């Protein structure tokens, strides 16, 4: 049995890090946890916060360094990757404002000195929402991400001694491109779980990559794993933390269907047991922290430390311990907790009254009310909900794509990015008079899809700093038959704006 215990003033000395999401927190040896970057209130962060477990103190080191532009360290950013090798923390990419970054830094935590690195070989493109993991004590593997135009499925290996990047040539079947996933080395394999994929769906698949250990002489290749047990629901923005003989998955951002399909946040704990090779729900006897994504979770001995995150409205700054029942911290809990939950129960962010950190909205709103406010239209309580269907389930969309590309795209197969993009490019170049009536239905449904993905899934966009608020006048229209002739021009203008944003 494990217990969630909110950290209090007796647990730490020093200055705690400010609320944030999209940051990284890495264990450097057994002596420190280093928190870097993140995002809060539309502001990207570039600070360092360090937790010293032995002395139970947080501190902010005075870093030195010299980058190519004369700066001391990396520019403020979020959704980057950070990996520790010995006493060094390597940082690559991320996002600042609307710009994806491709710079490469290392922090020497013995002397707190930043160095911008000039690397060689197959250099990765700028990206955010990638995932990376150390391979032993010399190399780093990075997989996937988002470059601003497409989801990525490439795999790069960095030699931290020679500073040479190598793009791994992988044979056989490949996982769908993705971002917001996790990638964790377990012995000789890289395990990748979840993320958001091409076309927009949030995934719950688990893949293993072999061929990363030179001494094994294996041909690099992916294998999809379908393990027994209580597998996690599809999600992105979660954490996967290695501890003992298992991997602990916590939180993340999932789908809920209909208008709020991109508004579900999780706070469940699922374990991938490396001994029995199956998924298990971690038994916890008391109420978990508020649901969240884009947080950090680090393992310190037998304890886990949760920090920060975002739930669609709030940026958290709270710290929580997840400890076994024999841990001294667990003794702080009352013998019988009135807020106890059944084992493994998941509580969505909207049902949790306790919030901390930076509030994005002072007034509580339901996901639909938030959507209405963001898209600037009102829906009466009796209005039927609008179903947002995926491209792969839109038969008319499939047929138009097939006609346009000259290739048969089956509804039973995953739509290729090229087919989707070809149809969208066709509409982007079309004038209102050039749109046949038969294309208005698929166009309207794709308009709905783009709005839901831009403004619901990416609920962090309010923090990213989107300027202004776009009004969409046709989101409430369910079918093309409800459009008037004069509406087509305005619909097409808004659709083109969505493609460009």
Protein backbone atom coordinates (compact mmCIF):
# COMPACT_ATOMS: atom_id res chain seq x y z
CA UNK A 1 0.00 0.00 0.00
CA UNK A 2 1.18 3.53 -0.83
CA UNK A 3 0.07 6.90 0.52
CA UNK A 4 -0.10 10.35 -1.01
CA UNK A 5 1.10 13.02 1.45
CA UNK A 6 1.27 16.69 0.60
CA UNK A 7 4.69 18.08 1.50
CA UNK A 8 4.70 20.65 4.28
CA UNK A 9 7.15 23.13 5.78
CA UNK A 10 8.83 20.44 7.90
CA UNK A 11 9.94 18.54 4.78
CA UNK A 12 12.07 21.25 3.19
CA UNK A 13 14.24 24.21 3.96
CA UNK A 14 15.23 26.95 1.53
CA UNK A 15 13.30 28.57 -1.31
CA UNK A 16 10.83 26.33 -3.13
CA UNK A 17 10.52 26.62 -6.93
CA UNK A 18 7.62 28.70 -8.21
CA UNK A 19 4.57 27.06 -9.85
CA UNK A 20 5.16 25.78 -13.37
CA UNK A 21 4.31 23.16 -15.98
CA UNK A 22 6.22 21.76 -18.94
CA UNK A 23 9.44 21.81 -16.90
CA UNK A 24 11.95 19.01 -16.37
CA UNK A 25 13.20 17.50 -13.10
CA UNK A 26 16.10 15.04 -13.25
CA UNK A 27 17.99 13.05 -10.64
CA UNK A 28 21.69 13.90 -10.76
CA UNK A 29 23.30 11.02 -8.93
CA UNK A 30 21.77 10.46 -5.51
CA UNK A 31 22.65 13.90 -4.24
CA UNK A 32 20.27 16.25 -6.04
CA UNK A 33 17.14 16.78 -8.13
CA UNK A 34 17.50 19.60 -10.68
CA UNK A 35 14.38 21.42 -11.92
CA UNK A 36 14.74 23.52 -15.06
CA UNK A 37 12.45 25.76 -17.11
CA UNK A 38 8.70 25.53 -17.55
CA UNK A 39 5.77 27.84 -18.07
CA UNK A 40 3.45 29.89 -15.85
CA UNK A 41 1.03 32.71 -16.64
CA UNK A 42 2.12 32.89 -20.31
CA UNK A 43 5.70 33.33 -19.12
CA UNK A 44 8.47 30.90 -20.03
CA UNK A 45 11.02 30.21 -17.30
CA UNK A 46 14.77 29.70 -17.48
CA UNK A 47 15.63 29.28 -13.80
CA UNK A 48 17.19 26.38 -11.94
CA UNK A 49 15.82 24.95 -8.70
CA UNK A 50 17.71 22.21 -6.86
CA UNK A 51 16.53 19.84 -4.14
CA UNK A 52 19.20 18.29 -1.90
CA UNK A 53 17.55 15.18 -0.36
CA UNK A 54 20.31 14.57 2.17
CA UNK A 55 19.98 18.03 3.72
CA UNK A 56 16.26 18.38 2.84
CA UNK A 57 16.78 21.81 1.34
CA UNK A 58 15.87 23.61 -1.88
CA UNK A 59 18.27 26.17 -3.32
CA UNK A 60 18.85 28.22 -6.46
CA UNK A 61 22.50 28.05 -7.55
CA UNK A 62 24.26 31.03 -9.11
CA UNK A 63 25.13 29.61 -12.51
CA UNK A 64 27.90 30.83 -14.77
CA UNK A 65 28.35 30.15 -18.46
CA UNK A 66 28.66 31.58 -21.91
CA UNK A 67 26.41 30.79 -24.86
CA UNK A 68 26.86 31.67 -28.52
CA UNK A 69 24.92 34.90 -27.99
CA UNK A 70 26.74 35.79 -24.80
CA UNK A 71 24.00 34.57 -22.45
CA UNK A 72 24.84 32.67 -19.27
CA UNK A 73 22.53 29.72 -19.94
CA UNK A 74 19.66 28.49 -22.13
CA UNK A 75 16.86 30.90 -22.98
CA UNK A 76 13.60 30.42 -21.03
CA UNK A 77 11.67 27.43 -22.37
CA UNK A 78 9.22 24.62 -21.69
CA UNK A 79 8.49 21.16 -23.12
CA UNK A 80 12.20 20.50 -23.71
CA UNK A 81 14.12 17.31 -22.85
CA UNK A 82 16.67 17.04 -20.05
CA UNK A 83 18.79 13.98 -19.26
CA UNK A 84 21.44 13.49 -16.57
CA UNK A 85 24.73 11.69 -17.29
CA UNK A 86 26.98 11.55 -14.20
CA UNK A 87 27.13 15.15 -12.86
CA UNK A 88 25.97 16.72 -16.15
CA UNK A 89 22.45 17.66 -17.22
CA UNK A 90 21.98 17.82 -20.99
CA UNK A 91 19.15 19.97 -22.36
CA UNK A 92 17.81 19.98 -25.91
CA UNK A 93 15.04 21.88 -27.71
CA UNK A 94 11.70 22.88 -26.27
CA UNK A 95 9.49 25.84 -26.91
CA UNK A 96 9.61 29.57 -26.18
CA UNK A 97 6.55 31.53 -27.26
CA UNK A 98 5.60 30.13 -30.66
CA UNK A 99 9.17 29.14 -31.53
CA UNK A 100 10.51 25.59 -31.39
CA UNK A 101 14.10 25.41 -30.26
CA UNK A 102 16.97 23.25 -31.49
CA UNK A 103 19.85 24.42 -29.31
CA UNK A 104 21.85 22.07 -27.11
CA UNK A 105 23.24 22.79 -23.63
CA UNK A 106 24.93 21.04 -20.75
CA UNK A 107 25.00 22.05 -17.07
CA UNK A 108 27.92 20.89 -14.93
CA UNK A 109 26.24 20.51 -11.54
CA UNK A 110 29.55 20.24 -9.68
CA UNK A 111 30.45 23.86 -10.50
CA UNK A 112 27.03 25.06 -11.77
CA UNK A 113 28.33 26.10 -15.16
CA UNK A 114 26.32 26.13 -18.39
CA UNK A 115 27.94 25.43 -21.78
CA UNK A 116 26.25 25.68 -25.17
CA UNK A 117 27.40 22.72 -27.20
CA UNK A 118 28.29 22.50 -30.87
CA UNK A 119 27.34 19.00 -31.90
CA UNK A 120 28.06 16.98 -35.02
CA UNK A 121 26.55 14.31 -37.22
CA UNK A 122 22.81 13.93 -37.92
CA UNK A 123 21.48 16.98 -36.06
CA UNK A 124 17.85 16.73 -34.86
CA UNK A 125 15.43 19.38 -36.10
CA UNK A 126 14.04 21.93 -33.59
CA UNK A 127 11.15 20.40 -31.65
CA UNK A 128 9.14 20.35 -28.46
CA UNK A 129 7.26 17.57 -26.61
CA UNK A 130 9.98 15.00 -27.47
CA UNK A 131 11.10 12.34 -24.99
CA UNK A 132 14.60 11.19 -24.08
CA UNK A 133 16.40 8.76 -21.80
CA UNK A 134 20.01 7.90 -20.90
CA UNK A 135 21.61 4.77 -22.35
CA UNK A 136 24.07 3.71 -19.66
CA UNK A 137 26.41 6.50 -18.55
CA UNK A 138 27.51 7.84 -21.92
CA UNK A 139 24.72 8.04 -24.49
CA UNK A 140 21.23 9.59 -24.76
CA UNK A 141 18.35 8.44 -26.97
CA UNK A 142 15.64 10.90 -28.09
CA UNK A 143 12.39 9.92 -29.82
CA UNK A 144 9.59 11.85 -31.53
CA UNK A 145 8.19 15.30 -30.82
CA UNK A 146 6.45 18.11 -32.71
CA UNK A 147 8.26 20.52 -35.03
CA UNK A 148 5.36 22.95 -35.48
CA UNK A 149 4.11 21.32 -38.67
CA UNK A 150 4.16 17.59 -38.11
CA UNK A 151 4.46 14.90 -35.49
CA UNK A 152 7.82 13.14 -35.54
CA UNK A 153 8.84 9.48 -35.32
CA UNK A 154 12.60 9.79 -35.69
CA UNK A 155 15.08 8.34 -33.22
CA UNK A 156 18.42 10.02 -32.44
CA UNK A 157 21.31 8.79 -30.31
CA UNK A 158 23.80 11.26 -28.84
CA UNK A 159 27.29 10.31 -27.72
CA UNK A 160 27.93 12.74 -24.86
CA UNK A 161 31.73 12.35 -25.18
CA UNK A 162 32.15 13.02 -28.92
CA UNK A 163 28.94 15.16 -29.06
CA UNK A 164 27.93 13.33 -32.24
CA UNK A 165 24.25 12.74 -33.06
CA UNK A 166 23.26 9.65 -35.06
CA UNK A 167 19.82 9.17 -36.54
CA UNK A 168 18.92 5.55 -35.99
CA UNK A 169 17.84 3.65 -39.09
CA UNK A 170 14.97 1.48 -37.89
CA UNK A 171 13.62 -1.43 -39.92
CA UNK A 172 10.18 -3.02 -39.83
CA UNK A 173 6.93 -1.52 -38.55
CA UNK A 174 7.11 1.86 -36.84
CA UNK A 175 4.95 3.43 -34.12
CA UNK A 176 2.74 6.29 -35.34
CA UNK A 177 4.50 9.68 -35.03
CA UNK A 178 3.79 11.35 -31.70
CA UNK A 179 4.56 14.03 -29.14
CA UNK A 180 3.88 14.38 -25.42
CA UNK A 181 4.79 10.71 -24.85
CA UNK A 182 7.31 9.12 -22.49
CA UNK A 183 10.44 7.17 -23.48
CA UNK A 184 12.27 5.19 -20.80
CA UNK A 185 15.24 2.85 -21.07
CA UNK A 186 14.60 -0.47 -19.32
CA UNK A 187 17.74 -2.61 -19.50
CA UNK A 188 18.37 -2.99 -23.27
CA UNK A 189 15.08 -1.58 -24.59
CA UNK A 190 13.51 1.85 -24.93
CA UNK A 191 9.84 1.76 -23.88
CA UNK A 192 7.64 4.46 -25.40
CA UNK A 193 4.08 4.98 -24.16
CA UNK A 194 1.20 7.20 -25.21
CA UNK A 195 1.34 10.71 -26.61
CA UNK A 196 -0.62 12.64 -29.18
CA UNK A 197 -0.30 11.31 -32.74
CA UNK A 198 -0.72 12.31 -36.34
CA UNK A 199 -4.27 13.40 -37.12
CA UNK A 200 -4.84 14.39 -33.49
CA UNK A 201 -5.77 11.24 -31.52
CA UNK A 202 -4.30 10.66 -28.07
CA UNK A 203 -2.79 7.20 -27.85
CA UNK A 204 -2.38 4.47 -25.24
CA UNK A 205 0.00 2.11 -27.03
CA UNK A 206 3.28 0.74 -25.69
CA UNK A 207 6.29 0.09 -27.95
CA UNK A 208 9.78 -1.33 -27.33
CA UNK A 209 12.84 -0.36 -29.39
CA UNK A 210 15.81 -2.73 -29.61
CA UNK A 211 19.22 -2.14 -31.15
CA UNK A 212 20.41 0.70 -28.91
CA UNK A 213 23.21 -1.23 -27.20
CA UNK A 214 26.20 -1.52 -29.56
CA UNK A 215 27.59 -4.62 -27.87
CA UNK A 216 24.39 -6.56 -28.62
CA UNK A 217 24.75 -6.14 -32.42
CA UNK A 218 20.96 -6.08 -32.82
CA UNK A 219 19.24 -4.57 -35.84
CA UNK A 220 17.22 -1.59 -34.56
CA UNK A 221 13.51 -2.33 -34.64
CA UNK A 222 10.24 -1.49 -32.88
CA UNK A 223 7.82 -4.03 -31.38
CA UNK A 224 4.37 -3.15 -30.10
CA UNK A 225 3.75 -4.65 -26.67
CA UNK A 226 0.27 -5.67 -25.57
CA UNK A 227 0.67 -6.52 -21.91
CA UNK A 228 -1.91 -8.11 -19.62
CA UNK A 229 -3.39 -6.33 -16.63
CA UNK A 230 -5.08 -2.95 -16.09
CA UNK A 231 -3.45 -0.89 -18.82
CA UNK A 232 -3.53 2.94 -18.65
CA UNK A 233 -6.08 4.88 -20.66
CA UNK A 234 -4.71 6.82 -23.67
CA UNK A 235 -2.92 9.98 -22.56
CA UNK A 236 -0.14 12.48 -23.16
CA UNK A 237 1.76 14.81 -20.82
CA UNK A 238 2.10 12.00 -18.24
CA UNK A 239 5.24 10.85 -16.43
CA UNK A 240 6.86 7.41 -16.38
CA UNK A 241 9.32 7.10 -13.50
CA UNK A 242 11.64 4.16 -12.89
CA UNK A 243 11.78 2.86 -9.35
CA UNK A 244 12.94 -0.56 -8.23
CA UNK A 245 11.46 -3.37 -10.32
CA UNK A 246 8.71 -1.28 -11.85
CA UNK A 247 7.85 1.83 -13.82
CA UNK A 248 5.30 4.20 -12.29
CA UNK A 249 2.98 6.08 -14.64
CA UNK A 250 1.14 9.08 -13.19
CA UNK A 251 -1.31 11.66 -14.52
CA UNK A 252 -1.54 13.03 -18.02
CA UNK A 253 -4.06 14.48 -20.41
CA UNK A 254 -6.68 12.29 -22.08
CA UNK A 255 -9.85 12.41 -24.11
CA UNK A 256 -13.40 12.56 -22.86
CA UNK A 257 -15.51 12.62 -26.01
CA UNK A 258 -17.91 15.16 -27.47
CA UNK A 259 -17.28 18.85 -26.78
CA UNK A 260 -14.91 18.15 -23.91
CA UNK A 261 -12.96 15.40 -25.62
CA UNK A 262 -9.65 17.16 -24.98
CA UNK A 263 -10.40 18.30 -21.45
CA UNK A 264 -9.82 15.25 -19.25
CA UNK A 265 -6.87 15.20 -16.85
CA UNK A 266 -5.81 12.20 -14.77
CA UNK A 267 -4.31 11.51 -11.35
CA UNK A 268 -4.19 7.73 -11.35
CA UNK A 269 -1.09 5.61 -10.66
CA UNK A 270 -0.40 2.60 -12.88
CA UNK A 271 2.63 0.37 -12.50
CA UNK A 272 4.40 -1.57 -15.23
CA UNK A 273 5.82 -4.49 -13.29
CA UNK A 274 9.10 -5.57 -14.89
CA UNK A 275 9.08 -8.96 -13.07
CA UNK A 276 5.58 -10.15 -13.99
CA UNK A 277 5.57 -8.05 -17.20
CA UNK A 278 2.07 -6.68 -16.74
CA UNK A 279 0.21 -3.49 -15.89
CA UNK A 280 -1.09 -3.04 -12.34
CA UNK A 281 -2.98 -0.33 -10.49
CA UNK A 282 -0.87 0.95 -7.61
CA UNK A 283 -2.91 0.55 -4.40
CA UNK A 284 -3.25 3.93 -2.67
CA UNK A 285 -5.50 4.33 0.36
CA UNK A 286 -6.06 8.08 0.55
CA UNK A 287 -7.05 10.93 -1.75
CA UNK A 288 -4.54 11.62 -4.53
CA UNK A 289 -3.30 15.06 -5.64
CA UNK A 290 -5.45 17.07 -8.07
CA UNK A 291 -5.35 15.69 -11.62
CA UNK A 292 -2.73 17.23 -13.89
CA UNK A 293 -0.38 16.88 -16.86
CA UNK A 294 3.05 18.28 -17.82
CA UNK A 295 4.25 17.84 -14.23
CA UNK A 296 7.41 16.12 -13.00
CA UNK A 297 7.82 12.98 -10.88
CA UNK A 298 11.20 11.93 -9.51
CA UNK A 299 12.21 8.88 -7.50
CA UNK A 300 14.20 9.52 -4.31
CA UNK A 301 14.98 6.22 -2.61
CA UNK A 302 11.63 4.54 -1.95
CA UNK A 303 9.76 7.86 -2.28
CA UNK A 304 8.37 9.69 -5.28
CA UNK A 305 8.22 13.48 -5.42
CA UNK A 306 5.54 15.12 -7.58
CA UNK A 307 5.89 18.78 -8.56
CA UNK A 308 3.89 21.25 -10.63
CA UNK A 309 1.75 20.60 -13.69
CA UNK A 310 -1.32 22.01 -15.40
CA UNK A 311 -4.99 20.95 -15.46
CA UNK A 312 -6.45 23.18 -18.18
CA UNK A 313 -7.05 26.09 -15.80
CA UNK A 314 -4.40 26.04 -13.08
CA UNK A 315 -0.64 25.86 -12.99
CA UNK A 316 0.35 23.97 -9.86
CA UNK A 317 3.20 24.73 -7.49
CA UNK A 318 2.46 22.04 -4.91
CA UNK A 319 4.83 19.24 -3.89
CA UNK A 320 3.52 15.77 -3.01
CA UNK A 321 5.14 12.63 -1.67
CA UNK A 322 4.06 9.16 -2.74
CA UNK A 323 5.43 6.83 -0.07
CA UNK A 324 5.08 3.20 1.08
CA UNK A 325 3.03 2.62 4.21
CA UNK A 326 6.08 2.04 6.42
CA UNK A 327 7.62 5.42 5.52
CA UNK A 328 7.83 7.94 8.41
CA UNK A 329 6.05 10.52 6.22
CA UNK A 330 3.00 8.21 6.03
CA UNK A 331 2.64 8.44 9.82
CA UNK A 332 1.56 12.08 9.43
CA UNK A 333 -1.76 10.89 8.01
CA UNK A 334 -4.76 10.30 10.28
CA UNK A 335 -5.52 6.67 10.99
CA UNK A 336 -8.73 6.87 8.95
CA UNK A 337 -8.87 9.38 6.14
CA UNK A 338 -12.40 10.59 5.32
CA UNK A 339 -11.26 11.35 1.80
CA UNK A 340 -10.09 7.82 1.10
CA UNK A 341 -10.60 6.54 -2.40
CA UNK A 342 -10.96 3.01 -3.70
CA UNK A 343 -7.73 1.53 -4.95
CA UNK A 344 -6.57 3.02 -8.24
CA UNK A 345 -9.49 5.43 -8.58
CA UNK A 346 -8.96 8.32 -11.00
CA UNK A 347 -10.36 11.75 -10.22
CA UNK A 348 -10.69 14.32 -12.98
CA UNK A 349 -9.50 17.87 -12.43
CA UNK A 350 -13.03 19.23 -12.65
CA UNK A 351 -14.17 17.16 -9.66
CA UNK A 352 -11.35 18.22 -7.35
CA UNK A 353 -12.05 21.22 -5.17
CA UNK A 354 -8.47 21.67 -3.95
CA UNK A 355 -6.26 23.79 -6.24
CA UNK A 356 -2.90 25.39 -5.71
CA UNK A 357 -0.39 27.48 -7.60
CA UNK A 358 -1.36 30.01 -10.25
CA UNK A 359 -5.04 30.27 -11.18
CA UNK A 360 -5.74 30.78 -14.85
CA UNK A 361 -9.41 31.55 -14.14
CA UNK A 362 -10.78 32.77 -10.84
CA UNK A 363 -14.27 31.52 -11.60
CA UNK A 364 -14.91 27.78 -11.84
CA UNK A 365 -16.33 26.80 -15.21
CA UNK A 366 -17.43 23.51 -16.70
CA UNK A 367 -15.49 22.32 -19.77
CA UNK A 368 -18.42 23.31 -22.01
CA UNK A 369 -18.71 26.76 -20.42
CA UNK A 370 -14.97 27.23 -20.89
CA UNK A 371 -15.29 26.16 -24.52
CA UNK A 372 -18.18 28.56 -25.13
CA UNK A 373 -16.25 31.43 -23.62
CA UNK A 374 -13.10 30.65 -25.58
CA UNK A 375 -14.91 30.31 -28.92
CA UNK A 376 -17.27 33.24 -28.26
CA UNK A 377 -20.63 31.56 -28.77
CA UNK A 378 -23.40 30.50 -26.44
CA UNK A 379 -25.25 27.19 -26.41
CA UNK A 380 -28.46 26.68 -24.48
CA UNK A 381 -28.56 23.70 -22.11
CA UNK A 382 -31.00 21.94 -24.45
CA UNK A 383 -28.71 22.20 -27.50
CA UNK A 384 -27.63 18.72 -28.64
CA UNK A 385 -23.90 18.11 -28.24
CA UNK A 386 -21.77 18.24 -31.36
CA UNK A 387 -19.88 15.05 -32.20
CA UNK A 388 -16.31 15.56 -33.36
CA UNK A 389 -15.33 12.54 -35.43
CA UNK A 390 -11.81 11.58 -36.40
CA UNK A 391 -10.66 11.75 -40.02
CA UNK A 392 -10.37 7.96 -40.14
CA UNK A 393 -14.10 7.67 -39.34
CA UNK A 394 -15.26 10.36 -41.80
CA UNK A 395 -16.18 8.36 -44.91
CA UNK A 396 -16.82 11.40 -47.13
CA UNK A 397 -13.50 12.89 -46.07
CA UNK A 398 -11.79 9.58 -46.94
CA UNK A 399 -13.43 9.46 -50.37
CA UNK A 400 -12.45 13.05 -51.20
CA UNK A 401 -8.86 12.35 -50.12
CA UNK A 402 -8.79 9.23 -52.29
CA UNK A 403 -10.11 11.13 -55.30
CA UNK A 404 -7.62 13.95 -54.82
CA UNK A 405 -4.52 11.78 -54.30
CA UNK A 406 -5.53 9.00 -56.69
CA UNK A 407 -4.90 6.46 -53.95
CA UNK A 408 -7.45 4.34 -52.16
CA UNK A 409 -7.54 5.29 -48.47
CA UNK A 410 -9.48 2.75 -46.44
CA UNK A 411 -11.45 3.71 -43.37
CA UNK A 412 -10.00 0.64 -41.69
CA UNK A 413 -6.48 1.95 -42.13
CA UNK A 414 -4.83 4.92 -40.49
CA UNK A 415 -5.07 7.91 -42.82
CA UNK A 416 -1.72 9.06 -44.06
CA UNK A 417 -0.58 12.53 -43.19
CA UNK A 418 -0.07 13.18 -46.91
CA UNK A 419 -3.72 12.37 -47.78
CA UNK A 420 -5.08 14.62 -45.04
CA UNK A 421 -2.71 17.42 -45.96
CA UNK A 422 -3.52 17.14 -49.67
CA UNK A 423 -7.23 17.69 -49.07
CA UNK A 424 -6.60 20.57 -46.67
CA UNK A 425 -4.21 22.20 -49.13
CA UNK A 426 -6.88 21.84 -51.81
CA UNK A 427 -9.41 23.72 -49.67
CA UNK A 428 -6.81 26.26 -48.59
CA UNK A 429 -6.24 27.21 -52.24
CA UNK A 430 -9.93 27.16 -53.21
CA UNK A 431 -12.25 30.14 -53.56
CA UNK A 432 -15.82 29.95 -52.18
CA UNK A 433 -17.26 29.57 -55.68
CA UNK A 434 -14.92 26.65 -56.39
CA UNK A 435 -16.21 24.52 -53.48
CA UNK A 436 -18.82 22.01 -54.75
CA UNK A 437 -21.86 21.44 -52.54
CA UNK A 438 -20.78 17.83 -51.92
CA UNK A 439 -17.57 19.09 -50.25
CA UNK A 440 -19.29 21.39 -47.74
CA UNK A 441 -20.15 18.56 -45.30
CA UNK A 442 -16.57 17.20 -45.05
CA UNK A 443 -15.23 20.77 -44.95
CA UNK A 444 -17.54 21.71 -42.07
CA UNK A 445 -16.60 18.59 -40.10
CA UNK A 446 -12.89 19.26 -40.62
CA UNK A 447 -13.50 22.85 -39.44
CA UNK A 448 -15.01 21.38 -36.23
CA UNK A 449 -12.01 19.07 -35.83
CA UNK A 450 -9.46 21.83 -36.20
CA UNK A 451 -11.22 24.07 -33.68
CA UNK A 452 -11.45 21.28 -31.10
CA UNK A 453 -7.76 20.46 -31.52
CA UNK A 454 -6.49 24.01 -31.55
CA UNK A 455 -8.64 25.27 -28.68
CA UNK A 456 -9.51 22.25 -26.55
CA UNK A 457 -6.61 19.79 -26.72
CA UNK A 458 -4.08 22.55 -26.58
CA UNK A 459 -5.67 24.16 -23.54
CA UNK A 460 -2.17 25.18 -22.58
CA UNK A 461 -2.31 27.57 -25.53
CA UNK A 462 -3.68 30.24 -23.24
CA UNK A 463 -0.39 29.99 -21.38
CA UNK A 464 1.69 29.79 -24.54
CA UNK A 465 0.66 33.36 -25.30
CA UNK A 466 -1.72 33.22 -28.24
CA UNK A 467 -2.56 36.82 -29.00
CA UNK A 468 -6.19 37.78 -29.13
CA UNK A 469 -9.16 35.48 -29.29
CA UNK A 470 -10.55 34.20 -32.56
CA UNK A 471 -14.32 34.10 -32.93
CA UNK A 472 -15.73 31.06 -34.78
CA UNK A 473 -19.25 31.65 -36.03
CA UNK A 474 -20.07 28.23 -37.42
CA UNK A 475 -18.94 25.85 -34.69
CA UNK A 476 -22.52 25.32 -33.50
CA UNK A 477 -23.75 24.34 -36.99
CA UNK A 478 -24.05 20.56 -37.15
CA UNK A 479 -24.67 19.94 -40.86
CA UNK A 480 -23.91 21.72 -44.13
CA UNK A 481 -27.65 21.97 -44.85
CA UNK A 482 -27.86 24.62 -42.11
CA UNK A 483 -25.44 26.90 -43.99
CA UNK A 484 -26.78 29.80 -46.02
CA UNK A 485 -25.21 30.68 -49.35
CA UNK A 486 -23.56 33.77 -47.86
CA UNK A 487 -21.98 31.67 -45.10
CA UNK A 488 -19.64 29.67 -47.34
CA UNK A 489 -17.20 32.53 -47.89
CA UNK A 490 -16.91 33.28 -44.15
CA UNK A 491 -16.64 29.58 -43.27
CA UNK A 492 -13.80 29.14 -45.75
CA UNK A 493 -12.02 32.24 -44.39
CA UNK A 494 -12.17 30.88 -40.83
CA UNK A 495 -11.09 27.42 -42.03
CA UNK A 496 -8.02 28.87 -43.76
CA UNK A 497 -7.20 30.82 -40.59
CA UNK A 498 -7.28 27.56 -38.60
CA UNK A 499 -4.92 25.89 -41.06
CA UNK A 500 -2.48 28.75 -40.69
CA UNK A 501 -2.57 28.96 -36.90
